[in-house]
N, C-alpha and C. Protein backbone atom coordinates (compact mmCIF):
# COMPACT_ATOMS: atom_id res chain seq x y z
N UNK A 1 -43.35 -40.87 40.09
CA UNK A 1 -42.36 -40.03 39.55
C UNK A 1 -42.10 -41.48 38.23
N UNK A 2 -40.92 -40.49 37.57
CA UNK A 2 -40.52 -41.38 36.71
C UNK A 2 -38.89 -41.32 37.51
N UNK A 3 -38.24 -42.64 38.02
CA UNK A 3 -36.98 -42.44 38.62
C UNK A 3 -36.14 -42.62 37.63
N UNK A 4 -36.42 -43.82 36.73
CA UNK A 4 -34.72 -44.00 35.78
C UNK A 4 -35.61 -44.11 34.28
N UNK A 5 -34.63 -43.77 33.32
CA UNK A 5 -35.05 -44.30 31.92
C UNK A 5 -34.12 -45.03 31.45
N UNK A 6 -34.07 -45.89 30.81
CA UNK A 6 -33.21 -46.89 30.35
C UNK A 6 -33.86 -47.41 28.74
N UNK A 7 -32.81 -47.25 27.60
CA UNK A 7 -33.39 -47.67 26.41
C UNK A 7 -32.13 -46.70 25.34
N UNK A 8 -32.55 -47.09 23.82
CA UNK A 8 -31.47 -46.24 23.00
C UNK A 8 -31.76 -45.02 22.45
N UNK A 9 -30.56 -44.37 22.77
CA UNK A 9 -30.20 -43.03 22.44
C UNK A 9 -30.52 -42.76 21.08
N UNK A 10 -31.96 -42.13 20.63
CA UNK A 10 -31.84 -42.11 18.98
C UNK A 10 -31.93 -40.56 18.68
N UNK A 11 -31.25 -39.12 19.26
CA UNK A 11 -31.17 -38.27 19.06
C UNK A 11 -30.10 -37.18 20.28
N UNK A 12 -29.54 -36.28 19.76
CA UNK A 12 -29.04 -35.62 20.90
C UNK A 12 -29.71 -33.60 20.48
N UNK A 13 -30.41 -33.37 21.39
CA UNK A 13 -30.85 -32.29 21.18
C UNK A 13 -29.98 -31.01 21.61
N UNK A 14 -30.32 -29.98 21.53
CA UNK A 14 -29.71 -28.40 21.94
C UNK A 14 -29.43 -29.10 23.46
N UNK A 15 -30.79 -29.15 24.05
CA UNK A 15 -30.76 -29.13 25.77
C UNK A 15 -31.11 -30.62 26.16
N UNK A 16 -30.79 -31.34 25.29
CA UNK A 16 -30.85 -32.94 26.14
C UNK A 16 -30.77 -34.23 25.07
N UNK A 17 -31.32 -35.24 25.30
CA UNK A 17 -31.57 -36.28 24.45
C UNK A 17 -32.64 -36.85 24.30
N UNK A 18 -33.21 -37.79 23.13
CA UNK A 18 -34.13 -38.54 22.86
C UNK A 18 -34.04 -40.13 23.50
N UNK A 19 -34.52 -40.73 24.49
CA UNK A 19 -34.33 -41.92 24.28
C UNK A 19 -35.24 -42.54 24.03
N UNK A 20 -35.26 -43.89 22.97
CA UNK A 20 -36.31 -44.72 23.24
C UNK A 20 -36.78 -45.60 23.73
N UNK A 21 -37.61 -45.89 24.27
CA UNK A 21 -38.14 -46.85 25.75
C UNK A 21 -39.37 -47.36 25.14
N UNK A 22 -39.53 -48.57 24.98
CA UNK A 22 -40.40 -49.70 24.73
C UNK A 22 -41.46 -48.73 23.41
N UNK A 23 -40.49 -48.56 22.36
CA UNK A 23 -41.08 -47.86 21.00
C UNK A 23 -41.47 -46.40 21.09
N UNK A 24 -41.23 -45.73 22.50
CA UNK A 24 -41.79 -44.36 22.51
C UNK A 24 -40.45 -43.39 22.91
N UNK A 25 -39.99 -42.40 22.19
CA UNK A 25 -38.93 -41.42 22.22
C UNK A 25 -39.24 -40.49 23.48
N UNK A 26 -38.68 -40.79 24.27
CA UNK A 26 -38.91 -39.42 25.79
C UNK A 26 -37.90 -38.63 25.31
N UNK A 27 -38.01 -37.41 25.48
CA UNK A 27 -37.53 -35.97 25.73
C UNK A 27 -36.74 -35.92 26.94
N UNK A 28 -35.46 -36.15 27.12
CA UNK A 28 -34.87 -35.84 28.53
C UNK A 28 -34.08 -34.46 28.37
N UNK A 29 -34.16 -33.76 29.63
CA UNK A 29 -33.66 -32.51 29.28
C UNK A 29 -32.14 -32.96 30.36
N UNK A 30 -30.94 -32.77 29.52
CA UNK A 30 -29.47 -33.02 30.70
C UNK A 30 -28.54 -32.09 30.35
N UNK A 31 -27.25 -32.01 31.36
CA UNK A 31 -26.38 -31.14 31.68
C UNK A 31 -25.88 -31.04 30.29
N UNK A 32 -25.13 -30.59 29.48
CA UNK A 32 -23.94 -30.76 28.72
C UNK A 32 -22.61 -31.85 29.22
N UNK A 33 -22.72 -31.96 30.28
CA UNK A 33 -21.98 -32.87 30.38
C UNK A 33 -22.29 -34.04 30.59
N UNK A 34 -23.61 -34.66 30.95
CA UNK A 34 -24.12 -35.87 30.56
C UNK A 34 -24.33 -35.93 29.14
N UNK A 35 -24.70 -34.96 28.51
CA UNK A 35 -25.03 -35.13 27.34
C UNK A 35 -23.99 -35.64 26.14
N UNK A 36 -22.69 -34.92 26.65
CA UNK A 36 -21.37 -35.45 26.27
C UNK A 36 -21.14 -36.80 26.19
N UNK A 37 -21.78 -37.97 27.15
CA UNK A 37 -20.99 -38.91 27.42
C UNK A 37 -21.99 -39.73 26.85
N UNK A 38 -23.20 -39.26 25.97
CA UNK A 38 -23.98 -40.16 25.17
C UNK A 38 -24.00 -40.05 23.65
N UNK A 39 -24.08 -40.94 23.38
CA UNK A 39 -23.78 -41.28 21.72
C UNK A 39 -24.99 -42.17 20.86
N UNK A 40 -25.78 -41.50 20.15
CA UNK A 40 -26.56 -41.84 19.04
C UNK A 40 -26.76 -43.25 18.67
N UNK A 41 -27.56 -43.78 18.93
CA UNK A 41 -27.48 -45.85 18.96
C UNK A 41 -27.33 -46.40 19.90
N UNK A 42 -26.46 -45.93 21.23
CA UNK A 42 -26.13 -46.52 21.96
C UNK A 42 -27.16 -46.55 23.32
N UNK A 43 -26.80 -47.69 24.32
CA UNK A 43 -27.79 -47.71 25.25
C UNK A 43 -27.49 -46.85 26.25
N UNK A 44 -28.83 -46.27 26.85
CA UNK A 44 -28.35 -45.36 28.23
C UNK A 44 -29.39 -45.52 29.13
N UNK A 45 -28.40 -45.28 30.33
CA UNK A 45 -29.70 -45.16 31.51
C UNK A 45 -29.10 -44.18 32.44
N UNK A 46 -30.13 -43.34 32.63
CA UNK A 46 -30.24 -41.85 33.53
C UNK A 46 -31.07 -42.33 34.65
N UNK A 47 -30.61 -41.38 35.41
CA UNK A 47 -31.65 -41.04 36.72
C UNK A 47 -32.36 -39.85 36.17
N UNK A 48 -33.76 -39.78 36.72
CA UNK A 48 -34.89 -38.90 36.22
C UNK A 48 -34.98 -38.34 36.92
N UNK A 49 -35.99 -37.26 36.94
CA UNK A 49 -36.81 -36.30 37.58
C UNK A 49 -37.65 -35.62 36.93
N UNK A 50 -39.33 -36.26 37.20
CA UNK A 50 -40.01 -35.33 36.34
C UNK A 50 -40.76 -34.13 37.01
N UNK A 51 -40.73 -32.79 36.58
CA UNK A 51 -40.98 -31.96 37.09
C UNK A 51 -42.50 -31.22 36.72
N UNK A 52 -43.45 -31.25 37.44
CA UNK A 52 -44.79 -31.15 36.85
C UNK A 52 -45.33 -29.87 36.58
N UNK A 53 -45.84 -29.01 35.32
CA UNK A 53 -45.90 -27.43 35.70
C UNK A 53 -47.58 -27.51 35.08
N UNK A 54 -48.22 -26.40 35.63
CA UNK A 54 -49.44 -26.60 35.19
C UNK A 54 -49.92 -26.49 33.45
N UNK A 55 -48.75 -26.15 32.84
CA UNK A 55 -48.69 -26.67 31.45
C UNK A 55 -48.07 -27.44 31.01
N UNK A 56 -47.18 -27.97 31.90
CA UNK A 56 -45.75 -29.03 31.12
C UNK A 56 -45.26 -30.39 31.84
N UNK A 57 -45.03 -31.04 31.49
CA UNK A 57 -44.42 -32.27 32.11
C UNK A 57 -43.06 -32.29 31.35
N UNK A 58 -41.77 -32.13 32.55
CA UNK A 58 -40.58 -31.92 31.66
C UNK A 58 -39.43 -32.97 32.79
N UNK A 59 -38.85 -34.14 31.23
CA UNK A 59 -38.26 -34.73 32.32
C UNK A 59 -36.87 -34.27 32.11
N UNK A 60 -36.20 -34.39 33.41
CA UNK A 60 -34.51 -34.12 33.34
C UNK A 60 -33.91 -35.16 33.61
N UNK A 61 -32.80 -35.76 32.86
CA UNK A 61 -31.97 -36.75 33.10
C UNK A 61 -30.37 -36.50 33.89
N UNK A 62 -30.03 -37.28 34.41
CA UNK A 62 -28.94 -37.18 35.42
C UNK A 62 -28.14 -38.65 35.04
N UNK A 63 -26.50 -38.38 35.33
CA UNK A 63 -25.45 -39.65 35.36
C UNK A 63 -26.15 -40.50 36.27
N UNK A 64 -26.27 -40.27 37.56
CA UNK A 64 -26.63 -41.01 38.64
C UNK A 64 -27.62 -40.28 39.56
N UNK A 65 -27.66 -41.26 40.52
CA UNK A 65 -28.43 -40.86 41.25
C UNK A 65 -28.35 -39.26 42.41
N UNK A 66 -27.02 -39.56 43.02
CA UNK A 66 -26.55 -38.39 43.61
C UNK A 66 -27.41 -37.06 43.00
N UNK A 67 -27.00 -36.73 41.41
CA UNK A 67 -27.04 -35.43 40.47
C UNK A 67 -28.15 -35.52 40.91
N UNK A 68 -28.94 -36.53 40.96
CA UNK A 68 -30.53 -36.06 40.47
C UNK A 68 -31.17 -35.85 41.87
N UNK A 69 -30.53 -36.42 43.14
CA UNK A 69 -30.87 -36.12 44.21
C UNK A 69 -30.28 -34.41 44.50
N UNK A 70 -29.78 -33.71 43.98
CA UNK A 70 -28.54 -32.61 44.29
C UNK A 70 -29.58 -31.63 43.41
N UNK A 71 -29.91 -32.12 42.57
CA UNK A 71 -31.27 -31.69 41.43
C UNK A 71 -32.18 -30.96 42.09
N UNK A 72 -32.78 -32.03 43.01
CA UNK A 72 -34.23 -32.06 43.45
C UNK A 72 -33.90 -31.23 44.86
N UNK A 73 -33.22 -31.46 45.62
CA UNK A 73 -32.91 -30.80 46.79
C UNK A 73 -32.40 -29.02 46.27
N UNK A 74 -31.68 -28.63 45.39
CA UNK A 74 -31.86 -26.85 44.81
C UNK A 74 -33.02 -26.44 44.66
N UNK A 75 -33.88 -27.23 43.96
CA UNK A 75 -35.17 -26.73 43.72
C UNK A 75 -35.93 -26.16 45.07
N UNK A 76 -35.28 -26.95 46.21
CA UNK A 76 -36.12 -26.63 47.83
C UNK A 76 -35.85 -25.03 48.40
N UNK A 77 -34.92 -24.63 47.60
CA UNK A 77 -34.54 -23.16 47.85
C UNK A 77 -35.25 -22.07 46.99
N UNK A 78 -35.87 -21.02 48.04
CA UNK A 78 -36.63 -19.89 47.13
C UNK A 78 -35.85 -19.39 45.61
N UNK A 79 -36.79 -19.48 44.77
CA UNK A 79 -36.20 -18.95 43.37
C UNK A 79 -35.36 -19.54 43.01
N UNK A 80 -35.31 -20.72 43.09
CA UNK A 80 -34.63 -22.09 42.46
C UNK A 80 -35.63 -22.92 41.75
N UNK A 81 -35.70 -22.88 40.38
CA UNK A 81 -36.16 -23.73 39.51
C UNK A 81 -35.53 -24.99 38.98
N UNK A 82 -36.06 -25.49 37.87
CA UNK A 82 -35.33 -26.71 37.61
C UNK A 82 -34.20 -26.22 36.34
N UNK A 83 -34.50 -25.10 35.64
CA UNK A 83 -33.91 -24.56 35.09
C UNK A 83 -32.23 -24.06 35.70
N UNK A 84 -32.61 -23.51 36.71
CA UNK A 84 -31.50 -22.97 37.51
C UNK A 84 -30.52 -24.39 38.07
N UNK A 85 -31.18 -25.03 38.45
CA UNK A 85 -30.98 -26.06 39.39
C UNK A 85 -29.88 -26.73 38.68
N UNK A 86 -30.82 -27.09 37.56
CA UNK A 86 -29.69 -28.06 35.66
C UNK A 86 -28.38 -26.66 35.75
N UNK A 87 -28.54 -25.61 35.94
CA UNK A 87 -27.39 -24.81 35.29
C UNK A 87 -26.30 -24.74 36.87
N UNK A 88 -27.19 -25.33 37.50
CA UNK A 88 -25.80 -25.33 38.88
C UNK A 88 -24.98 -26.71 38.37
N UNK A 89 -25.59 -27.71 38.11
CA UNK A 89 -24.90 -29.01 38.19
C UNK A 89 -24.44 -29.13 36.58
N UNK A 90 -24.12 -28.05 35.64
CA UNK A 90 -23.95 -27.76 34.62
C UNK A 90 -22.61 -27.64 34.62
N UNK A 91 -22.16 -26.26 35.76
CA UNK A 91 -21.07 -25.95 35.81
C UNK A 91 -20.14 -26.88 37.25
N UNK A 92 -21.30 -27.50 38.41
CA UNK A 92 -20.30 -27.72 39.44
C UNK A 92 -20.95 -29.09 39.28
N UNK A 93 -20.30 -30.35 40.30
CA UNK A 93 -20.61 -31.63 40.45
C UNK A 93 -21.58 -31.46 41.65
N UNK A 94 -21.88 -32.35 42.08
CA UNK A 94 -23.05 -31.99 43.45
C UNK A 94 -21.99 -31.88 44.37
N UNK A 95 -20.72 -32.80 44.59
CA UNK A 95 -19.70 -32.23 45.40
C UNK A 95 -19.34 -31.35 45.88
N UNK A 96 -19.28 -30.67 44.81
CA UNK A 96 -18.71 -28.89 44.63
C UNK A 96 -19.71 -28.34 44.94
N UNK A 97 -21.28 -28.86 44.61
CA UNK A 97 -22.36 -27.69 45.11
C UNK A 97 -22.02 -27.66 46.75
N UNK A 98 -21.86 -29.00 47.28
CA UNK A 98 -22.03 -29.43 48.88
C UNK A 98 -20.72 -28.49 49.58
N UNK A 99 -19.89 -28.51 48.71
CA UNK A 99 -18.80 -28.01 49.33
C UNK A 99 -18.67 -25.99 49.65
N UNK A 100 -19.50 -25.71 48.24
CA UNK A 100 -19.87 -24.13 48.18
C UNK A 100 -20.53 -23.82 48.98
N UNK A 101 -21.78 -24.71 49.32
CA UNK A 101 -22.89 -24.49 50.20
C UNK A 101 -22.16 -24.55 52.18
N UNK A 102 -21.20 -25.23 52.43
CA UNK A 102 -20.54 -25.84 53.45
C UNK A 102 -19.72 -24.65 54.08
N UNK A 103 -19.13 -24.43 52.92
CA UNK A 103 -18.12 -23.08 53.25
C UNK A 103 -18.63 -21.93 52.98
N UNK A 104 -19.74 -21.66 52.13
CA UNK A 104 -20.10 -20.24 52.08
C UNK A 104 -19.68 -19.61 51.18
N UNK A 105 -19.34 -20.09 50.02
CA UNK A 105 -18.38 -19.89 48.99
C UNK A 105 -19.48 -19.60 48.23
N UNK A 106 -19.75 -17.71 47.99
CA UNK A 106 -20.68 -17.74 47.61
C UNK A 106 -20.23 -17.34 45.98
N UNK A 107 -18.73 -16.92 45.69
CA UNK A 107 -18.25 -16.74 44.51
C UNK A 107 -18.41 -17.82 43.58
N UNK A 108 -18.33 -19.34 44.30
CA UNK A 108 -18.36 -20.41 43.24
C UNK A 108 -19.98 -20.27 42.85
N UNK A 109 -20.91 -20.73 43.75
CA UNK A 109 -22.50 -20.06 43.55
C UNK A 109 -22.43 -19.37 42.25
N UNK A 110 -22.03 -18.05 41.98
CA UNK A 110 -22.27 -16.55 41.39
C UNK A 110 -21.40 -17.41 40.14
N UNK A 111 -21.15 -17.89 40.03
CA UNK A 111 -20.50 -18.68 38.21
C UNK A 111 -21.65 -19.19 37.70
N UNK A 112 -22.79 -19.64 38.45
CA UNK A 112 -23.75 -19.94 37.55
C UNK A 112 -24.54 -19.27 37.25
N UNK A 113 -24.66 -18.98 35.41
CA UNK A 113 -25.72 -18.39 35.20
C UNK A 113 -27.02 -18.25 35.72
N UNK A 114 -27.49 -16.81 36.02
CA UNK A 114 -28.76 -17.01 36.83
C UNK A 114 -28.72 -16.73 38.25
N UNK A 115 -27.75 -16.85 38.77
CA UNK A 115 -27.23 -16.78 40.30
C UNK A 115 -26.56 -15.30 40.41
N UNK A 116 -27.12 -14.65 41.04
CA UNK A 116 -26.47 -13.32 41.30
C UNK A 116 -26.07 -13.71 43.10
N UNK A 117 -25.49 -12.44 43.90
CA UNK A 117 -24.78 -12.48 45.28
C UNK A 117 -26.24 -12.88 45.96
N UNK A 118 -27.01 -12.30 46.13
CA UNK A 118 -28.16 -12.35 46.70
C UNK A 118 -28.98 -13.60 46.44
N UNK A 119 -29.10 -14.22 45.70
CA UNK A 119 -29.31 -15.80 45.60
C UNK A 119 -28.53 -16.90 46.12
N UNK A 120 -27.11 -16.32 45.69
CA UNK A 120 -26.28 -17.48 46.51
C UNK A 120 -26.31 -17.57 47.98
N UNK A 121 -26.53 -15.99 48.40
CA UNK A 121 -26.45 -16.23 49.75
C UNK A 121 -28.03 -16.79 50.05
N UNK A 122 -29.06 -16.82 49.73
CA UNK A 122 -30.44 -17.50 49.81
C UNK A 122 -30.08 -18.98 49.85
N UNK A 123 -29.32 -19.41 48.99
CA UNK A 123 -29.16 -20.87 48.69
C UNK A 123 -28.36 -21.48 50.06
N UNK A 124 -27.38 -20.60 50.49
CA UNK A 124 -26.63 -21.25 51.53
C UNK A 124 -27.14 -20.92 53.34
N UNK A 125 -28.24 -20.06 53.17
CA UNK A 125 -29.13 -19.82 54.12
C UNK A 125 -29.90 -21.36 53.73
N UNK A 126 -30.67 -21.48 52.88
CA UNK A 126 -31.78 -22.72 53.14
C UNK A 126 -31.23 -24.28 52.79
N UNK A 127 -30.03 -23.71 52.31
CA UNK A 127 -29.51 -25.51 51.92
C UNK A 127 -28.41 -26.19 52.90
N UNK A 128 -27.42 -25.24 53.43
CA UNK A 128 -26.22 -25.42 54.24
C UNK A 128 -27.04 -26.60 54.75
N UNK A 129 -27.49 -26.42 55.48
CA UNK A 129 -27.92 -27.54 56.66
C UNK A 129 -28.27 -28.74 56.07
N UNK A 130 -28.99 -29.04 54.91
CA UNK A 130 -29.77 -29.78 54.47
C UNK A 130 -28.74 -30.84 53.27
N UNK A 131 -27.63 -30.07 52.50
CA UNK A 131 -27.02 -30.36 51.37
C UNK A 131 -25.78 -31.66 52.17
N UNK A 132 -25.59 -31.57 53.37
CA UNK A 132 -24.62 -32.60 53.92
C UNK A 132 -22.88 -31.87 53.60
N UNK A 133 -22.37 -32.75 53.87
CA UNK A 133 -20.97 -32.32 53.65
C UNK A 133 -20.16 -32.91 52.27
N UNK A 134 -19.22 -32.66 52.00
CA UNK A 134 -18.66 -33.24 50.41
C UNK A 134 -18.34 -34.67 50.47
N UNK A 135 -18.68 -35.43 49.60
CA UNK A 135 -19.03 -36.94 49.99
C UNK A 135 -19.77 -37.81 50.82
N UNK A 136 -20.83 -36.72 51.29
CA UNK A 136 -21.86 -37.66 52.16
C UNK A 136 -22.82 -37.31 51.08
N UNK A 137 -23.28 -38.03 50.28
CA UNK A 137 -24.56 -38.35 49.34
C UNK A 137 -25.22 -38.74 50.18
N UNK A 138 -25.06 -39.69 51.04
CA UNK A 138 -26.24 -40.67 51.57
C UNK A 138 -27.25 -39.95 52.23
N UNK A 139 -26.57 -38.61 52.58
CA UNK A 139 -27.57 -37.65 53.59
C UNK A 139 -28.51 -36.59 52.69
N UNK A 140 -28.76 -37.25 51.33
CA UNK A 140 -29.38 -36.53 50.06
C UNK A 140 -30.69 -37.32 50.05
N UNK A 141 -31.25 -38.63 50.11
CA UNK A 141 -32.12 -38.81 49.75
C UNK A 141 -33.52 -38.58 50.88
N UNK A 142 -33.28 -38.25 51.92
CA UNK A 142 -34.23 -37.63 52.58
C UNK A 142 -34.73 -36.68 52.29
N UNK A 143 -34.64 -36.07 51.00
CA UNK A 143 -35.21 -34.77 50.64
C UNK A 143 -35.88 -35.16 49.10
N UNK A 144 -35.85 -36.28 49.13
CA UNK A 144 -36.64 -36.71 47.62
C UNK A 144 -37.50 -37.45 48.31
N UNK A 145 -38.22 -38.61 47.08
CA UNK A 145 -39.08 -39.08 47.17
C UNK A 145 -40.49 -38.60 47.65
N UNK A 146 -41.78 -39.22 48.36
CA UNK A 146 -42.64 -38.80 48.86
C UNK A 146 -42.69 -37.09 49.08
N UNK A 147 -41.81 -36.53 49.40
CA UNK A 147 -42.09 -34.95 49.54
C UNK A 147 -41.83 -34.40 48.14
N UNK A 148 -40.75 -35.04 47.10
CA UNK A 148 -40.96 -34.56 45.79
C UNK A 148 -42.32 -34.63 45.21
N UNK A 149 -42.61 -35.65 45.24
CA UNK A 149 -43.89 -35.99 44.59
C UNK A 149 -44.97 -35.46 44.83
N UNK A 150 -45.29 -34.90 45.96
CA UNK A 150 -46.39 -34.14 46.83
C UNK A 150 -46.10 -32.96 46.19
N UNK A 151 -44.58 -32.42 46.66
CA UNK A 151 -44.59 -30.72 46.44
C UNK A 151 -44.82 -30.43 44.62
N UNK A 152 -44.59 -31.63 43.50
CA UNK A 152 -44.67 -31.26 42.38
C UNK A 152 -46.01 -31.47 41.72
N UNK A 153 -47.12 -32.33 42.81
CA UNK A 153 -48.31 -32.20 42.48
C UNK A 153 -48.91 -30.98 42.82
N UNK A 154 -48.86 -29.98 44.26
CA UNK A 154 -49.33 -29.72 44.63
C UNK A 154 -49.02 -27.97 43.59
N UNK A 155 -47.94 -27.88 42.97
CA UNK A 155 -47.40 -26.60 41.85
C UNK A 155 -48.36 -27.07 41.08
N UNK A 156 -48.12 -28.34 40.73
CA UNK A 156 -49.01 -28.48 39.43
C UNK A 156 -50.67 -27.97 39.42
N UNK A 157 -50.87 -28.04 40.69
CA UNK A 157 -52.45 -27.94 40.54
C UNK A 157 -52.84 -26.53 41.25
N UNK A 158 -51.79 -25.52 41.04
CA UNK A 158 -51.69 -24.13 40.97
C UNK A 158 -51.16 -23.63 42.54
N UNK A 159 -50.30 -24.37 43.35
CA UNK A 159 -49.83 -23.53 44.25
C UNK A 159 -48.32 -23.32 43.98
N UNK A 160 -48.22 -22.16 44.50
CA UNK A 160 -46.41 -21.75 44.47
C UNK A 160 -45.88 -22.39 45.05
N UNK A 161 -44.54 -22.71 44.55
CA UNK A 161 -43.13 -23.56 45.16
C UNK A 161 -43.37 -23.23 46.87
N UNK A 162 -43.10 -22.16 46.78
CA UNK A 162 -43.46 -21.71 48.50
C UNK A 162 -44.31 -22.56 49.60
N UNK A 163 -45.50 -22.33 49.01
CA UNK A 163 -46.59 -22.70 49.54
C UNK A 163 -46.61 -24.35 49.49
N UNK A 164 -45.71 -24.69 48.38
CA UNK A 164 -46.50 -26.28 48.64
C UNK A 164 -44.93 -26.84 49.23
N UNK A 165 -43.60 -26.44 49.56
CA UNK A 165 -42.59 -26.18 50.34
C UNK A 165 -43.07 -26.50 51.80
N UNK A 166 -43.67 -25.50 52.14
CA UNK A 166 -44.28 -25.45 53.48
C UNK A 166 -45.26 -26.25 54.21
N UNK A 167 -46.20 -26.52 53.33
CA UNK A 167 -47.07 -27.35 53.46
C UNK A 167 -45.96 -28.86 53.90
N UNK A 168 -45.80 -29.11 52.56
CA UNK A 168 -44.39 -30.52 52.39
C UNK A 168 -43.82 -30.85 53.79
N UNK A 169 -43.08 -29.68 54.49
CA UNK A 169 -42.19 -29.54 55.13
C UNK A 169 -42.42 -29.69 56.54
N UNK A 170 -44.05 -29.46 56.86
CA UNK A 170 -44.75 -29.53 58.21
C UNK A 170 -45.18 -30.92 57.86
N UNK A 171 -45.68 -32.02 57.02
CA UNK A 171 -45.95 -32.73 56.74
C UNK A 171 -45.00 -33.45 57.25
N UNK A 172 -43.45 -33.73 56.84
CA UNK A 172 -42.51 -34.64 56.89
C UNK A 172 -42.11 -34.25 58.45
N UNK A 173 -42.59 -33.25 59.17
CA UNK A 173 -42.15 -33.30 60.41
C UNK A 173 -43.43 -34.53 60.98
N UNK A 174 -44.84 -34.37 60.82
CA UNK A 174 -45.48 -35.25 61.29
C UNK A 174 -45.22 -36.55 61.54
N UNK A 175 -44.81 -36.94 59.75
CA UNK A 175 -44.57 -38.51 59.34
C UNK A 175 -43.35 -38.61 58.98
N UNK A 176 -42.30 -38.73 59.98
CA UNK A 176 -41.05 -38.93 59.79
C UNK A 176 -40.96 -40.11 58.54
N UNK A 177 -41.85 -40.84 58.75
CA UNK A 177 -41.33 -42.62 58.46
C UNK A 177 -42.08 -42.91 57.26
N UNK A 178 -42.76 -41.66 56.49
CA UNK A 178 -43.48 -41.60 55.25
C UNK A 178 -42.58 -42.08 54.04
N UNK A 179 -43.46 -42.94 53.02
CA UNK A 179 -42.84 -43.64 52.44
C UNK A 179 -43.87 -43.08 50.60
N UNK A 180 -43.13 -43.71 49.43
CA UNK A 180 -43.77 -42.96 48.30
C UNK A 180 -45.34 -43.75 48.51
N UNK A 181 -45.58 -44.94 49.30
CA UNK A 181 -47.28 -45.56 49.50
C UNK A 181 -47.63 -44.51 50.29
N UNK A 182 -47.48 -43.90 50.96
CA UNK A 182 -48.36 -42.51 51.69
C UNK A 182 -48.43 -41.51 50.83
N UNK A 183 -48.19 -41.21 49.80
CA UNK A 183 -48.54 -40.65 48.89
C UNK A 183 -49.89 -40.10 48.56
N UNK A 184 -51.03 -40.57 48.13
CA UNK A 184 -52.34 -40.26 48.01
C UNK A 184 -52.93 -39.65 49.49
N UNK A 185 -52.72 -40.35 50.67
CA UNK A 185 -52.87 -39.67 52.17
C UNK A 185 -52.02 -38.25 52.11
N UNK A 186 -51.01 -38.19 52.14
CA UNK A 186 -49.86 -37.01 52.03
C UNK A 186 -50.71 -36.30 51.36
N UNK A 187 -51.06 -36.16 50.21
CA UNK A 187 -51.44 -35.16 49.03
C UNK A 187 -52.90 -34.77 49.91
N UNK A 188 -54.03 -35.87 50.43
CA UNK A 188 -55.23 -35.34 51.11
C UNK A 188 -54.81 -34.24 52.05
N UNK A 189 -53.75 -34.31 52.72
CA UNK A 189 -53.89 -33.76 53.92
C UNK A 189 -53.15 -32.25 53.31
N UNK A 190 -52.36 -32.60 52.42
CA UNK A 190 -51.46 -31.32 52.18
C UNK A 190 -52.81 -30.05 51.44
N UNK A 191 -53.55 -30.70 50.88
CA UNK A 191 -54.81 -30.08 50.47
C UNK A 191 -55.77 -29.60 51.46
N UNK A 192 -55.57 -30.44 51.93
CA UNK A 192 -57.00 -29.56 52.92
C UNK A 192 -56.53 -28.77 53.60
N UNK A 193 -54.72 -28.72 54.32
CA UNK A 193 -54.22 -27.39 54.86
C UNK A 193 -54.08 -26.02 54.14
N UNK A 194 -53.93 -26.85 52.65
CA UNK A 194 -54.04 -25.48 51.90
C UNK A 194 -55.18 -24.54 51.53
N UNK A 195 -56.18 -25.63 51.77
CA UNK A 195 -57.68 -25.35 51.18
C UNK A 195 -58.20 -24.24 52.66
N UNK A 196 -57.76 -24.38 53.76
CA UNK A 196 -58.06 -24.08 54.78
C UNK A 196 -57.09 -22.40 54.92
N UNK A 197 -56.18 -22.79 54.29
CA UNK A 197 -55.43 -21.12 54.38
C UNK A 197 -55.85 -20.48 53.49
N UNK A 198 -56.46 -20.47 52.29
CA UNK A 198 -57.45 -19.65 51.31
C UNK A 198 -58.28 -18.84 51.62
């Protein structure tokens, strides 16, 4: 996974920026707030998340690790893809998202384009216990790392996000101390389990 990108901003686009790293221009999708803080010609350091799909590799960039962690956590909810997760972070800060989930503030979640009342209820149900309390960003990294890498790989190989999440959650229960170094073995286990289910 590409965890961060540091380089010169060569262009601002409608949905992100182009950052030159080692002579290569990387297109990075960002929220409007993150994009507004960047200037063409200046250096930028963005926390990033690589979203792997069958037909694309998309790099999403964030102002800090907490924002990236929330982006990745949001995608573990049913029906929430990277576009909706990014829209949530365009409207709300990570702490505001935690507050909305903790207090079951559906109205706040419904302010996000693409999220209706049922979607907001589903997010609260699935994420309330995972997001932690406002100000508790330290609780988020457990939702990222190897889990995200394995899940993205499975989706890239053709399984649905729901199937990938189910298998990854099962692996997380069995391998509480797993790290990024264990990804190849964990991916093999996940593929074996999914293969039996077909």
